[in-house]
């Protein structure tokens, strides 16, 4: 989900959040909806035109119940 786009001087910041309600454990395959924490990933990519673009994506860290 896209939250905000901020343009300041030569910097464009896009803030978004992942909205997935569940994830599969890569070890055992069990589906989990338990979210004990969240964190922000910052993706700093090549400029778009004359502006630097930074994507800040808030993601959920799921926990396996097994």
PDB file of N, CA and C in Angstrom:
ATOM      1  N   UNK A   1       0.840  -1.155   0.000  1.00  0.00           N
ATOM      2  CA  UNK A   1       0.000   0.000   0.000  1.00  0.00           C
ATOM      3  C   UNK A   1       0.900   1.238   0.000  1.00  0.00           C
ATOM      4  N   UNK A   2       0.659   2.156  -0.868  1.00  0.00           N
ATOM      5  CA  UNK A   2       1.407   3.393  -0.958  1.00  0.00           C
ATOM      6  C   UNK A   2       0.890   4.360   0.090  1.00  0.00           C
ATOM      7  N   UNK A   3       1.793   4.871   0.945  1.00  0.00           N
ATOM      8  CA  UNK A   3       1.390   5.805   1.991  1.00  0.00           C
ATOM      9  C   UNK A   3       1.593   7.254   1.561  1.00  0.00           C
ATOM     10  N   UNK A   4       2.838   7.627   1.290  1.00  0.00           N
ATOM     11  CA  UNK A   4       3.118   9.016   0.910  1.00  0.00           C
ATOM     12  C   UNK A   4       4.245   9.085  -0.111  1.00  0.00           C
ATOM     13  N   UNK A   5       4.245  10.196  -0.838  1.00  0.00           N
ATOM     14  CA  UNK A   5       5.339  10.548  -1.725  1.00  0.00           C
ATOM     15  C   UNK A   5       5.738  11.967  -1.361  1.00  0.00           C
ATOM     16  N   UNK A   6       7.011  12.154  -0.994  1.00  0.00           N
ATOM     17  CA  UNK A   6       7.500  13.482  -0.622  1.00  0.00           C
ATOM     18  C   UNK A   6       8.595  13.891  -1.599  1.00  0.00           C
ATOM     19  N   UNK A   7       8.508  15.124  -2.087  1.00  0.00           N
ATOM     20  CA  UNK A   7       9.509  15.655  -3.005  1.00  0.00           C
ATOM     21  C   UNK A   7      10.123  16.879  -2.351  1.00  0.00           C
ATOM     22  N   UNK A   8      11.435  16.774  -2.093  1.00  0.00           N
ATOM     23  CA  UNK A   8      12.162  17.875  -1.477  1.00  0.00           C
ATOM     24  C   UNK A   8      13.441  18.113  -2.247  1.00  0.00           C
ATOM     25  N   UNK A   9      13.592  19.295  -2.809  1.00  0.00           N
ATOM     26  CA  UNK A   9      14.763  19.634  -3.609  1.00  0.00           C
ATOM     27  C   UNK A   9      14.991  18.558  -4.670  1.00  0.00           C
ATOM     28  N   UNK A  10      16.087  17.805  -4.570  1.00  0.00           N
ATOM     29  CA  UNK A  10      16.392  16.778  -5.571  1.00  0.00           C
ATOM     30  C   UNK A  10      16.229  15.371  -5.011  1.00  0.00           C
ATOM     31  N   UNK A  11      15.322  15.212  -4.046  1.00  0.00           N
ATOM     32  CA  UNK A  11      15.078  13.914  -3.412  1.00  0.00           C
ATOM     33  C   UNK A  11      13.594  13.581  -3.436  1.00  0.00           C
ATOM     34  N   UNK A  12      13.271  12.404  -3.958  1.00  0.00           N
ATOM     35  CA  UNK A  12      11.896  11.900  -3.941  1.00  0.00           C
ATOM     36  C   UNK A  12      11.875  10.709  -2.988  1.00  0.00           C
ATOM     37  N   UNK A  13      11.023  10.779  -1.953  1.00  0.00           N
ATOM     38  CA  UNK A  13      10.894   9.687  -0.991  1.00  0.00           C
ATOM     39  C   UNK A  13       9.501   9.083  -1.119  1.00  0.00           C
ATOM     40  N   UNK A  14       9.455   7.782  -1.364  1.00  0.00           N
ATOM     41  CA  UNK A  14       8.193   7.052  -1.483  1.00  0.00           C
ATOM     42  C   UNK A  14       8.082   6.153  -0.259  1.00  0.00           C
ATOM     43  N   UNK A  15       6.999   6.300   0.511  1.00  0.00           N
ATOM     44  CA  UNK A  15       6.777   5.461   1.681  1.00  0.00           C
ATOM     45  C   UNK A  15       5.597   4.542   1.405  1.00  0.00           C
ATOM     46  N   UNK A  16       5.830   3.250   1.669  1.00  0.00           N
ATOM     47  CA  UNK A  16       4.809   2.239   1.410  1.00  0.00           C
ATOM     48  C   UNK A  16       4.880   1.178   2.499  1.00  0.00           C
ATOM     49  N   UNK A  17       3.812   0.391   2.597  1.00  0.00           N
ATOM     50  CA  UNK A  17       3.761  -0.681   3.587  1.00  0.00           C
ATOM     51  C   UNK A  17       3.244  -1.953   2.934  1.00  0.00           C
ATOM     52  N   UNK A  18       3.875  -3.077   3.280  1.00  0.00           N
ATOM     53  CA  UNK A  18       3.406  -4.377   2.802  1.00  0.00           C
ATOM     54  C   UNK A  18       2.103  -4.707   3.525  1.00  0.00           C
ATOM     55  N   UNK A  19       1.154  -5.273   2.825  1.00  0.00           N
ATOM     56  CA  UNK A  19      -0.156  -5.540   3.424  1.00  0.00           C
ATOM     57  C   UNK A  19      -0.499  -7.022   3.499  1.00  0.00           C
ATOM     58  N   UNK A  20       0.451  -7.885   3.193  1.00  0.00           N
ATOM     59  CA  UNK A  20       0.207  -9.322   3.244  1.00  0.00           C
ATOM     60  C   UNK A  20      -0.162  -9.728   4.667  1.00  0.00           C
ATOM     61  N   UNK A  21      -1.207 -10.506   4.813  1.00  0.00           N
ATOM     62  CA  UNK A  21      -1.681 -10.908   6.126  1.00  0.00           C
ATOM     63  C   UNK A  21      -1.107 -12.209   6.640  1.00  0.00           C
ATOM     64  N   UNK A  22      -0.354 -12.899   5.797  1.00  0.00           N
ATOM     65  CA  UNK A  22       0.231 -14.183   6.202  1.00  0.00           C
ATOM     66  C   UNK A  22       1.441 -14.493   5.341  1.00  0.00           C
ATOM     67  N   UNK A  23       2.282 -15.385   5.862  1.00  0.00           N
ATOM     68  CA  UNK A  23       3.469 -15.814   5.114  1.00  0.00           C
ATOM     69  C   UNK A  23       3.750 -17.273   5.426  1.00  0.00           C
ATOM     70  N   UNK A  24       4.392 -17.941   4.487  1.00  0.00           N
ATOM     71  CA  UNK A  24       4.739 -19.348   4.641  1.00  0.00           C
ATOM     72  C   UNK A  24       6.168 -19.466   5.162  1.00  0.00           C
ATOM     73  N   UNK A  25       6.356 -20.312   6.167  1.00  0.00           N
ATOM     74  CA  UNK A  25       7.679 -20.561   6.728  1.00  0.00           C
ATOM     75  C   UNK A  25       8.533 -21.267   5.672  1.00  0.00           C
ATOM     76  N   UNK A  26       9.737 -20.750   5.388  1.00  0.00           N
ATOM     77  CA  UNK A  26      10.578 -21.393   4.381  1.00  0.00           C
ATOM     78  C   UNK A  26      11.129 -22.745   4.838  1.00  0.00           C
ATOM     79  N   UNK A  27      11.159 -22.984   6.155  1.00  0.00           N
ATOM     80  CA  UNK A  27      11.715 -24.238   6.666  1.00  0.00           C
ATOM     81  C   UNK A  27      10.698 -25.373   6.669  1.00  0.00           C
ATOM     82  N   UNK A  28       9.463 -25.097   7.160  1.00  0.00           N
ATOM     83  CA  UNK A  28       8.498 -26.186   7.311  1.00  0.00           C
ATOM     84  C   UNK A  28       7.241 -26.034   6.456  1.00  0.00           C
ATOM     85  N   UNK A  29       7.036 -24.852   5.863  1.00  0.00           N
ATOM     86  CA  UNK A  29       5.882 -24.656   4.994  1.00  0.00           C
ATOM     87  C   UNK A  29       4.604 -24.264   5.710  1.00  0.00           C
ATOM     88  N   UNK A  30       4.629 -24.138   7.044  1.00  0.00           N
ATOM     89  CA  UNK A  30       3.449 -23.750   7.810  1.00  0.00           C
ATOM     90  C   UNK A  30       3.119 -22.279   7.555  1.00  0.00           C
ATOM     91  N   UNK A  31       1.847 -21.971   7.358  1.00  0.00           N
ATOM     92  CA  UNK A  31       1.419 -20.595   7.168  1.00  0.00           C
ATOM     93  C   UNK A  31       1.253 -19.931   8.529  1.00  0.00           C
ATOM     94  N   UNK A  32       1.751 -18.704   8.644  1.00  0.00           N
ATOM     95  CA  UNK A  32       1.678 -17.982   9.912  1.00  0.00           C
ATOM     96  C   UNK A  32       1.059 -16.610   9.700  1.00  0.00           C
ATOM     97  N   UNK A  33       0.274 -16.174  10.676  1.00  0.00           N
ATOM     98  CA  UNK A  33      -0.278 -14.822  10.680  1.00  0.00           C
ATOM     99  C   UNK A  33       0.280 -14.020  11.852  1.00  0.00           C
ATOM    100  N   UNK A  34       1.151 -14.631  12.639  1.00  0.00           N
ATOM    101  CA  UNK A  34       1.724 -13.982  13.821  1.00  0.00           C
ATOM    102  C   UNK A  34       2.816 -13.000  13.399  1.00  0.00           C
ATOM    103  N   UNK A  35       2.651 -11.726  13.764  1.00  0.00           N
ATOM    104  CA  UNK A  35       3.602 -10.678  13.399  1.00  0.00           C
ATOM    105  C   UNK A  35       4.170 -10.063  14.675  1.00  0.00           C
ATOM    106  N   UNK A  36       5.341 -10.527  15.132  1.00  0.00           N
ATOM    107  CA  UNK A  36       5.911  -9.979  16.357  1.00  0.00           C
ATOM    108  C   UNK A  36       6.628  -8.650  16.158  1.00  0.00           C
ATOM    109  N   UNK A  37       7.005  -8.323  14.916  1.00  0.00           N
ATOM    110  CA  UNK A  37       7.715  -7.062  14.704  1.00  0.00           C
ATOM    111  C   UNK A  37       7.587  -6.587  13.263  1.00  0.00           C
ATOM    112  N   UNK A  38       7.955  -5.350  13.074  1.00  0.00           N
ATOM    113  CA  UNK A  38       7.984  -4.715  11.756  1.00  0.00           C
ATOM    114  C   UNK A  38       9.292  -3.946  11.642  1.00  0.00           C
ATOM    115  N   UNK A  39       9.709  -3.724  10.413  1.00  0.00           N
ATOM    116  CA  UNK A  39      10.907  -2.922  10.199  1.00  0.00           C
ATOM    117  C   UNK A  39      10.801  -2.239   8.841  1.00  0.00           C
ATOM    118  N   UNK A  40      11.673  -1.273   8.610  1.00  0.00           N
ATOM    119  CA  UNK A  40      11.643  -0.509   7.366  1.00  0.00           C
ATOM    120  C   UNK A  40      12.863  -0.870   6.525  1.00  0.00           C
ATOM    121  N   UNK A  41      12.611  -1.191   5.271  1.00  0.00           N
ATOM    122  CA  UNK A  41      13.678  -1.412   4.293  1.00  0.00           C
ATOM    123  C   UNK A  41      13.789  -0.151   3.453  1.00  0.00           C
ATOM    124  N   UNK A  42      15.004   0.316   3.273  1.00  0.00           N
ATOM    125  CA  UNK A  42      15.224   1.514   2.458  1.00  0.00           C
ATOM    126  C   UNK A  42      15.943   1.111   1.178  1.00  0.00           C
ATOM    127  N   UNK A  43      15.310   1.400   0.061  1.00  0.00           N
ATOM    128  CA  UNK A  43      15.880   1.102  -1.246  1.00  0.00           C
ATOM    129  C   UNK A  43      16.278   2.423  -1.887  1.00  0.00           C
ATOM    130  N   UNK A  44      17.553   2.605  -2.096  1.00  0.00           N
ATOM    131  CA  UNK A  44      18.076   3.837  -2.685  1.00  0.00           C
ATOM    132  C   UNK A  44      18.562   3.490  -4.079  1.00  0.00           C
ATOM    133  N   UNK A  45      17.814   3.906  -5.084  1.00  0.00           N
ATOM    134  CA  UNK A  45      18.098   3.492  -6.448  1.00  0.00           C
ATOM    135  C   UNK A  45      18.728   4.621  -7.248  1.00  0.00           C
ATOM    136  N   UNK A  46      18.972   4.342  -8.505  1.00  0.00           N
ATOM    137  CA  UNK A  46      19.551   5.345  -9.391  1.00  0.00           C
ATOM    138  C   UNK A  46      18.572   6.498  -9.579  1.00  0.00           C
ATOM    139  N   UNK A  47      19.074   7.665  -9.877  1.00  0.00           N
ATOM    140  CA  UNK A  47      18.210   8.832 -10.034  1.00  0.00           C
ATOM    141  C   UNK A  47      17.195   8.665 -11.171  1.00  0.00           C
ATOM    142  N   UNK A  48      16.042   9.296 -10.967  1.00  0.00           N
ATOM    143  CA  UNK A  48      15.011   9.369 -12.005  1.00  0.00           C
ATOM    144  C   UNK A  48      15.055  10.799 -12.527  1.00  0.00           C
ATOM    145  N   UNK A  49      15.620  10.985 -13.683  1.00  0.00           N
ATOM    146  CA  UNK A  49      15.840  12.343 -14.172  1.00  0.00           C
ATOM    147  C   UNK A  49      16.930  12.986 -13.333  1.00  0.00           C
ATOM    148  N   UNK A  50      16.652  14.111 -12.737  1.00  0.00           N
ATOM    149  CA  UNK A  50      17.609  14.819 -11.892  1.00  0.00           C
ATOM    150  C   UNK A  50      17.408  14.520 -10.410  1.00  0.00           C
ATOM    151  N   UNK A  51      16.421  13.701 -10.049  1.00  0.00           N
ATOM    152  CA  UNK A  51      16.082  13.460  -8.643  1.00  0.00           C
ATOM    153  C   UNK A  51      16.535  12.085  -8.167  1.00  0.00           C
ATOM    154  N   UNK A  52      17.060  12.040  -6.944  1.00  0.00           N
ATOM    155  CA  UNK A  52      17.380  10.769  -6.284  1.00  0.00           C
ATOM    156  C   UNK A  52      16.070  10.214  -5.736  1.00  0.00           C
ATOM    157  N   UNK A  53      15.837   8.917  -5.890  1.00  0.00           N
ATOM    158  CA  UNK A  53      14.607   8.279  -5.434  1.00  0.00           C
ATOM    159  C   UNK A  53      14.931   7.279  -4.322  1.00  0.00           C
ATOM    160  N   UNK A  54      14.242   7.423  -3.181  1.00  0.00           N
ATOM    161  CA  UNK A  54      14.398   6.504  -2.057  1.00  0.00           C
ATOM    162  C   UNK A  54      13.025   5.896  -1.771  1.00  0.00           C
ATOM    163  N   UNK A  55      12.983   4.568  -1.698  1.00  0.00           N
ATOM    164  CA  UNK A  55      11.735   3.872  -1.354  1.00  0.00           C
ATOM    165  C   UNK A  55      11.892   3.327   0.055  1.00  0.00           C
ATOM    166  N   UNK A  56      10.976   3.711   0.943  1.00  0.00           N
ATOM    167  CA  UNK A  56      10.964   3.213   2.315  1.00  0.00           C
ATOM    168  C   UNK A  56       9.767   2.273   2.446  1.00  0.00           C
ATOM    169  N   UNK A  57      10.056   0.990   2.578  1.00  0.00           N
ATOM    170  CA  UNK A  57       9.009  -0.031   2.623  1.00  0.00           C
ATOM    171  C   UNK A  57       8.933  -0.641   4.012  1.00  0.00           C
ATOM    172  N   UNK A  58       7.785  -0.465   4.689  1.00  0.00           N
ATOM    173  CA  UNK A  58       7.595  -1.087   5.998  1.00  0.00           C
ATOM    174  C   UNK A  58       7.109  -2.515   5.773  1.00  0.00           C
ATOM    175  N   UNK A  59       7.871  -3.473   6.296  1.00  0.00           N
ATOM    176  CA  UNK A  59       7.528  -4.884   6.120  1.00  0.00           C
ATOM    177  C   UNK A  59       7.284  -5.542   7.472  1.00  0.00           C
ATOM    178  N   UNK A  60       6.562  -6.639   7.433  1.00  0.00           N
ATOM    179  CA  UNK A  60       6.263  -7.399   8.651  1.00  0.00           C
ATOM    180  C   UNK A  60       7.210  -8.584   8.755  1.00  0.00           C
ATOM    181  N   UNK A  61       7.581  -8.907   9.968  1.00  0.00           N
ATOM    182  CA  UNK A  61       8.416 -10.097  10.219  1.00  0.00           C
ATOM    183  C   UNK A  61       7.484 -11.145  10.844  1.00  0.00           C
ATOM    184  N   UNK A  62       7.178 -12.174  10.080  1.00  0.00           N
ATOM    185  CA  UNK A  62       6.292 -13.232  10.566  1.00  0.00           C
ATOM    186  C   UNK A  62       7.079 -14.247  11.393  1.00  0.00           C
ATOM    187  N   UNK A  63       6.399 -14.906  12.318  1.00  0.00           N
ATOM    188  CA  UNK A  63       7.027 -15.913  13.176  1.00  0.00           C
ATOM    189  C   UNK A  63       6.309 -17.239  12.994  1.00  0.00           C
ATOM    190  N   UNK A  64       7.073 -18.304  12.764  1.00  0.00           N
ATOM    191  CA  UNK A  64       6.514 -19.636  12.612  1.00  0.00           C
ATOM    192  C   UNK A  64       6.060 -20.161  13.970  1.00  0.00           C
ATOM    193  N   UNK A  65       4.888 -20.779  14.010  1.00  0.00           N
ATOM    194  CA  UNK A  65       4.370 -21.330  15.272  1.00  0.00           C
ATOM    195  C   UNK A  65       4.865 -22.741  15.548  1.00  0.00           C
ATOM    196  N   UNK A  66       5.568 -23.331  14.583  1.00  0.00           N
ATOM    197  CA  UNK A  66       6.040 -24.715  14.772  1.00  0.00           C
ATOM    198  C   UNK A  66       7.330 -24.752  15.529  1.00  0.00           C
TER     199      UNK A  66
END
